[in-house]
Amino acid sequence: MTPDACRAVGPDGRLVEPGELYSRSPYLMNGYHENPAATAACTTADGFLTSGDIVIRDEEGFISIVDRVKDVIITGGVNVYPRDVEEVLLTHPSVTECAVVGEPDDRWGERDEYVKWGGHAENYEHEHAPVISSLPVRSRSRGEWSGDGM
């Protein structure tokens, strides 16, 4: 990611990875037609446009999309990326499918809710404690297990 063409930016505006992808190019849009508020919401003063994608960069500089900004669960000021949590939960042999979604929480703003399909229905938290403890600290939030899918 060259700073003049692409950058990954955190909520505070600093360059971070993973971060929200901002890019600029003569081939990107200049703004929304007759809608300056919408244009201002997705562009920066120096001409960068946000895609709404969360990205990382590999050793060779290739960019990979790992999530969407609106998928981020902000719980107690911590950003939790559902895909990170889902990938770890799927390493457990009793989890065949899962989803992590944000739920409103009076104390934390949001909390993540784990939903799993397959495996046994009893005592999710005990059964999956080793898997959850292997999550990066930023993804180990205040999640709770819900039923056996939808």
C-alpha atoms as a PDB file:
ATOM      1  CA  MET A   1       0.000   0.000   0.000  1.00  0.00           C
ATOM      2  CA  THR A   2       1.676   3.170  -1.051  1.00  0.00           C
ATOM      3  CA  PRO A   3       0.633   6.095   1.147  1.00  0.00           C
ATOM      4  CA  ASP A   4      -0.136   8.183  -1.930  1.00  0.00           C
ATOM      5  CA  ALA A   5      -2.630   5.630  -3.346  1.00  0.00           C
ATOM      6  CA  CYS A   6      -3.945   3.454  -0.474  1.00  0.00           C
ATOM      7  CA  ARG A   7      -3.890   3.457   3.278  1.00  0.00           C
ATOM      8  CA  ALA A   8      -5.435   1.465   6.115  1.00  0.00           C
ATOM      9  CA  VAL A   9      -6.813   3.770   8.789  1.00  0.00           C
ATOM     10  CA  GLY A  10      -8.164   3.131  12.275  1.00  0.00           C
ATOM     11  CA  PRO A  11     -11.166   4.851  13.856  1.00  0.00           C
ATOM     12  CA  ASP A  12      -8.850   7.500  15.306  1.00  0.00           C
ATOM     13  CA  GLY A  13      -7.393   8.354  11.878  1.00  0.00           C
ATOM     14  CA  ARG A  14      -3.995   6.726  12.435  1.00  0.00           C
ATOM     15  CA  LEU A  15      -2.484   4.229  10.008  1.00  0.00           C
ATOM     16  CA  VAL A  16      -3.111   0.718  11.365  1.00  0.00           C
ATOM     17  CA  GLU A  17      -3.595  -2.871  10.197  1.00  0.00           C
ATOM     18  CA  PRO A  18      -6.167  -4.160  10.047  1.00  0.00           C
ATOM     19  CA  GLY A  19      -7.745  -0.849   9.115  1.00  0.00           C
ATOM     20  CA  GLU A  20     -10.341   0.729   6.886  1.00  0.00           C
ATOM     21  CA  LEU A  21      -9.186   1.043   3.278  1.00  0.00           C
ATOM     22  CA  TYR A  22      -8.898   4.573   1.913  1.00  0.00           C
ATOM     23  CA  SER A  23      -7.647   5.075  -1.625  1.00  0.00           C
ATOM     24  CA  ARG A  24      -7.374   7.769  -4.255  1.00  0.00           C
ATOM     25  CA  SER A  25      -7.027   7.613  -7.983  1.00  0.00           C
ATOM     26  CA  PRO A  26      -8.185   9.620 -10.994  1.00  0.00           C
ATOM     27  CA  TYR A  27     -10.428   6.627 -11.721  1.00  0.00           C
ATOM     28  CA  LEU A  28     -12.416   6.766  -8.465  1.00  0.00           C
ATOM     29  CA  MET A  29     -15.547   8.830  -8.050  1.00  0.00           C
ATOM     30  CA  ASN A  30     -15.292  12.521  -7.229  1.00  0.00           C
ATOM     31  CA  GLY A  31     -18.434  12.511  -5.097  1.00  0.00           C
ATOM     32  CA  TYR A  32     -22.153  11.915  -5.014  1.00  0.00           C
ATOM     33  CA  HIS A  33     -24.166  13.991  -7.490  1.00  0.00           C
ATOM     34  CA  GLU A  34     -25.714  16.979  -5.700  1.00  0.00           C
ATOM     35  CA  ASN A  35     -25.152  15.374  -2.289  1.00  0.00           C
ATOM     36  CA  PRO A  36     -22.213  17.061  -0.541  1.00  0.00           C
ATOM     37  CA  ALA A  37     -23.071  15.498   2.850  1.00  0.00           C
ATOM     38  CA  ALA A  38     -22.779  11.956   1.463  1.00  0.00           C
ATOM     39  CA  THR A  39     -19.554  12.904  -0.320  1.00  0.00           C
ATOM     40  CA  ALA A  40     -18.076  14.359   2.874  1.00  0.00           C
ATOM     41  CA  ALA A  41     -18.978  11.177   4.783  1.00  0.00           C
ATOM     42  CA  CYS A  42     -16.877   8.961   2.498  1.00  0.00           C
ATOM     43  CA  THR A  43     -13.979  11.216   1.468  1.00  0.00           C
ATOM     44  CA  THR A  44     -11.112  13.013   3.163  1.00  0.00           C
ATOM     45  CA  ALA A  45      -9.833  16.546   2.643  1.00  0.00           C
ATOM     46  CA  ASP A  46      -6.771  15.200   0.794  1.00  0.00           C
ATOM     47  CA  GLY A  47      -8.890  13.288  -1.741  1.00  0.00           C
ATOM     48  CA  PHE A  48      -9.037   9.759  -0.329  1.00  0.00           C
ATOM     49  CA  LEU A  49     -12.234   7.717  -0.678  1.00  0.00           C
ATOM     50  CA  THR A  50     -13.281   5.031   1.789  1.00  0.00           C
ATOM     51  CA  SER A  51     -14.465   1.676   0.557  1.00  0.00           C
ATOM     52  CA  GLY A  52     -15.923   0.512   3.860  1.00  0.00           C
ATOM     53  CA  ASP A  53     -13.595  -2.509   3.724  1.00  0.00           C
ATOM     54  CA  ILE A  54     -11.247  -3.612   6.506  1.00  0.00           C
ATOM     55  CA  VAL A  55      -7.920  -4.662   4.994  1.00  0.00           C
ATOM     56  CA  ILE A  56      -4.507  -6.069   5.779  1.00  0.00           C
ATOM     57  CA  ARG A  57      -1.372  -6.077   3.646  1.00  0.00           C
ATOM     58  CA  ASP A  58       0.963  -9.035   3.155  1.00  0.00           C
ATOM     59  CA  GLU A  59       4.768  -8.976   2.963  1.00  0.00           C
ATOM     60  CA  GLU A  60       4.659  -8.297  -0.789  1.00  0.00           C
ATOM     61  CA  GLY A  61       2.267  -5.374  -0.419  1.00  0.00           C
ATOM     62  CA  PHE A  62      -0.849  -7.154  -1.661  1.00  0.00           C
ATOM     63  CA  ILE A  63      -4.062  -6.023   0.029  1.00  0.00           C
ATOM     64  CA  SER A  64      -6.612  -8.522   1.357  1.00  0.00           C
ATOM     65  CA  ILE A  65     -10.109  -7.597   2.468  1.00  0.00           C
ATOM     66  CA  VAL A  66     -10.821  -9.240   5.816  1.00  0.00           C
ATOM     67  CA  ASP A  67     -14.073  -7.613   6.892  1.00  0.00           C
ATOM     68  CA  ARG A  68     -16.461  -4.681   6.478  1.00  0.00           C
ATOM     69  CA  VAL A  69     -16.525  -1.595   8.690  1.00  0.00           C
ATOM     70  CA  LYS A  70     -20.194  -2.001   9.464  1.00  0.00           C
ATOM     71  CA  ASP A  71     -19.501  -5.570  10.612  1.00  0.00           C
ATOM     72  CA  VAL A  72     -17.226  -4.363  13.407  1.00  0.00           C
ATOM     73  CA  ILE A  73     -18.672  -4.805  16.878  1.00  0.00           C
ATOM     74  CA  ILE A  74     -17.559  -2.038  19.229  1.00  0.00           C
ATOM     75  CA  THR A  75     -17.836  -3.263  22.787  1.00  0.00           C
ATOM     76  CA  GLY A  76     -16.534  -1.164  25.646  1.00  0.00           C
ATOM     77  CA  GLY A  77     -14.312   0.726  23.191  1.00  0.00           C
ATOM     78  CA  VAL A  78     -12.777  -2.466  21.772  1.00  0.00           C
ATOM     79  CA  ASN A  79     -13.199  -3.293  18.076  1.00  0.00           C
ATOM     80  CA  VAL A  80     -14.184  -6.929  17.593  1.00  0.00           C
ATOM     81  CA  TYR A  81     -14.073  -8.272  14.043  1.00  0.00           C
ATOM     82  CA  PRO A  82     -16.700 -11.035  13.661  1.00  0.00           C
ATOM     83  CA  ARG A  83     -14.679 -12.865  11.027  1.00  0.00           C
ATOM     84  CA  ASP A  84     -11.685 -13.194  13.392  1.00  0.00           C
ATOM     85  CA  VAL A  85     -13.889 -14.775  16.035  1.00  0.00           C
ATOM     86  CA  GLU A  86     -15.701 -17.024  13.544  1.00  0.00           C
ATOM     87  CA  GLU A  87     -12.440 -18.374  12.110  1.00  0.00           C
ATOM     88  CA  VAL A  88     -11.231 -19.358  15.572  1.00  0.00           C
ATOM     89  CA  LEU A  89     -14.571 -20.878  16.605  1.00  0.00           C
ATOM     90  CA  LEU A  90     -14.562 -22.991  13.438  1.00  0.00           C
ATOM     91  CA  THR A  91     -11.322 -24.653  14.559  1.00  0.00           C
ATOM     92  CA  HIS A  92     -13.262 -26.468  17.293  1.00  0.00           C
ATOM     93  CA  PRO A  93     -14.331 -29.958  16.124  1.00  0.00           C
ATOM     94  CA  SER A  94     -17.921 -29.586  17.352  1.00  0.00           C
ATOM     95  CA  VAL A  95     -18.541 -26.347  15.425  1.00  0.00           C
ATOM     96  CA  THR A  96     -19.610 -26.942  11.838  1.00  0.00           C
ATOM     97  CA  GLU A  97     -20.914 -23.431  11.169  1.00  0.00           C
ATOM     98  CA  CYS A  98     -21.100 -20.271  13.230  1.00  0.00           C
ATOM     99  CA  ALA A  99     -21.864 -16.579  13.070  1.00  0.00           C
ATOM    100  CA  VAL A 100     -20.857 -13.713  15.302  1.00  0.00           C
ATOM    101  CA  VAL A 101     -23.202 -10.745  15.428  1.00  0.00           C
ATOM    102  CA  GLY A 102     -23.420  -7.567  17.474  1.00  0.00           C
ATOM    103  CA  GLU A 103     -26.199  -7.173  20.010  1.00  0.00           C
ATOM    104  CA  PRO A 104     -27.054  -3.969  21.897  1.00  0.00           C
ATOM    105  CA  ASP A 105     -25.761  -3.924  25.458  1.00  0.00           C
ATOM    106  CA  ASP A 106     -26.648  -1.313  28.092  1.00  0.00           C
ATOM    107  CA  ARG A 107     -23.235  -1.455  29.755  1.00  0.00           C
ATOM    108  CA  TRP A 108     -20.832  -1.968  26.829  1.00  0.00           C
ATOM    109  CA  GLY A 109     -22.740  -0.408  23.893  1.00  0.00           C
ATOM    110  CA  GLU A 110     -22.588  -3.700  22.019  1.00  0.00           C
ATOM    111  CA  ARG A 111     -21.543  -7.247  22.787  1.00  0.00           C
ATOM    112  CA  ASP A 112     -20.902 -10.097  20.437  1.00  0.00           C
ATOM    113  CA  GLU A 113     -23.246 -13.032  20.318  1.00  0.00           C
ATOM    114  CA  TYR A 114     -21.937 -16.386  19.080  1.00  0.00           C
ATOM    115  CA  VAL A 115     -24.368 -18.599  17.222  1.00  0.00           C
ATOM    116  CA  LYS A 116     -23.284 -22.113  16.304  1.00  0.00           C
ATOM    117  CA  TRP A 117     -24.766 -24.858  14.221  1.00  0.00           C
ATOM    118  CA  GLY A 118     -23.885 -28.501  14.707  1.00  0.00           C
ATOM    119  CA  GLY A 119     -22.276 -30.292  17.607  1.00  0.00           C
ATOM    120  CA  HIS A 120     -23.793 -30.668  21.062  1.00  0.00           C
ATOM    121  CA  ALA A 121     -26.193 -28.111  22.485  1.00  0.00           C
ATOM    122  CA  GLU A 122     -25.109 -28.179  26.117  1.00  0.00           C
ATOM    123  CA  ASN A 123     -22.723 -25.777  27.839  1.00  0.00           C
ATOM    124  CA  TYR A 124     -21.194 -23.885  24.915  1.00  0.00           C
ATOM    125  CA  GLU A 125     -19.022 -21.610  27.031  1.00  0.00           C
ATOM    126  CA  HIS A 126     -17.338 -24.486  28.882  1.00  0.00           C
ATOM    127  CA  GLU A 127     -16.975 -26.578  25.726  1.00  0.00           C
ATOM    128  CA  HIS A 128     -15.447 -23.717  23.736  1.00  0.00           C
ATOM    129  CA  ALA A 129     -13.442 -21.943  26.457  1.00  0.00           C
ATOM    130  CA  PRO A 130     -10.074 -23.151  25.070  1.00  0.00           C
ATOM    131  CA  VAL A 131     -11.023 -21.962  21.593  1.00  0.00           C
ATOM    132  CA  ILE A 132     -12.228 -18.569  22.812  1.00  0.00           C
ATOM    133  CA  SER A 133      -9.094 -18.103  24.924  1.00  0.00           C
ATOM    134  CA  SER A 134      -6.998 -18.535  21.766  1.00  0.00           C
ATOM    135  CA  LEU A 135      -8.598 -15.437  20.211  1.00  0.00           C
ATOM    136  CA  PRO A 136      -6.515 -12.266  20.016  1.00  0.00           C
ATOM    137  CA  VAL A 137      -7.232 -10.136  23.080  1.00  0.00           C
ATOM    138  CA  ARG A 138      -8.960  -7.508  20.907  1.00  0.00           C
ATOM    139  CA  SER A 139     -11.459 -10.149  19.745  1.00  0.00           C
ATOM    140  CA  ARG A 140     -12.065 -11.689  23.164  1.00  0.00           C
ATOM    141  CA  SER A 141     -14.940  -9.538  24.243  1.00  0.00           C
ATOM    142  CA  ARG A 142     -18.057 -10.013  26.245  1.00  0.00           C
ATOM    143  CA  GLY A 143     -19.632 -12.564  23.928  1.00  0.00           C
ATOM    144  CA  GLU A 144     -22.318 -15.009  24.843  1.00  0.00           C
ATOM    145  CA  TRP A 145     -23.485 -18.228  23.239  1.00  0.00           C
ATOM    146  CA  SER A 146     -27.006 -18.488  21.933  1.00  0.00           C
ATOM    147  CA  GLY A 147     -28.989 -21.600  21.041  1.00  0.00           C
ATOM    148  CA  ASP A 148     -28.098 -24.095  18.373  1.00  0.00           C
ATOM    149  CA  GLY A 149     -28.560 -21.881  15.342  1.00  0.00           C
ATOM    150  CA  MET A 150     -31.633 -20.370  13.825  1.00  0.00           C
END
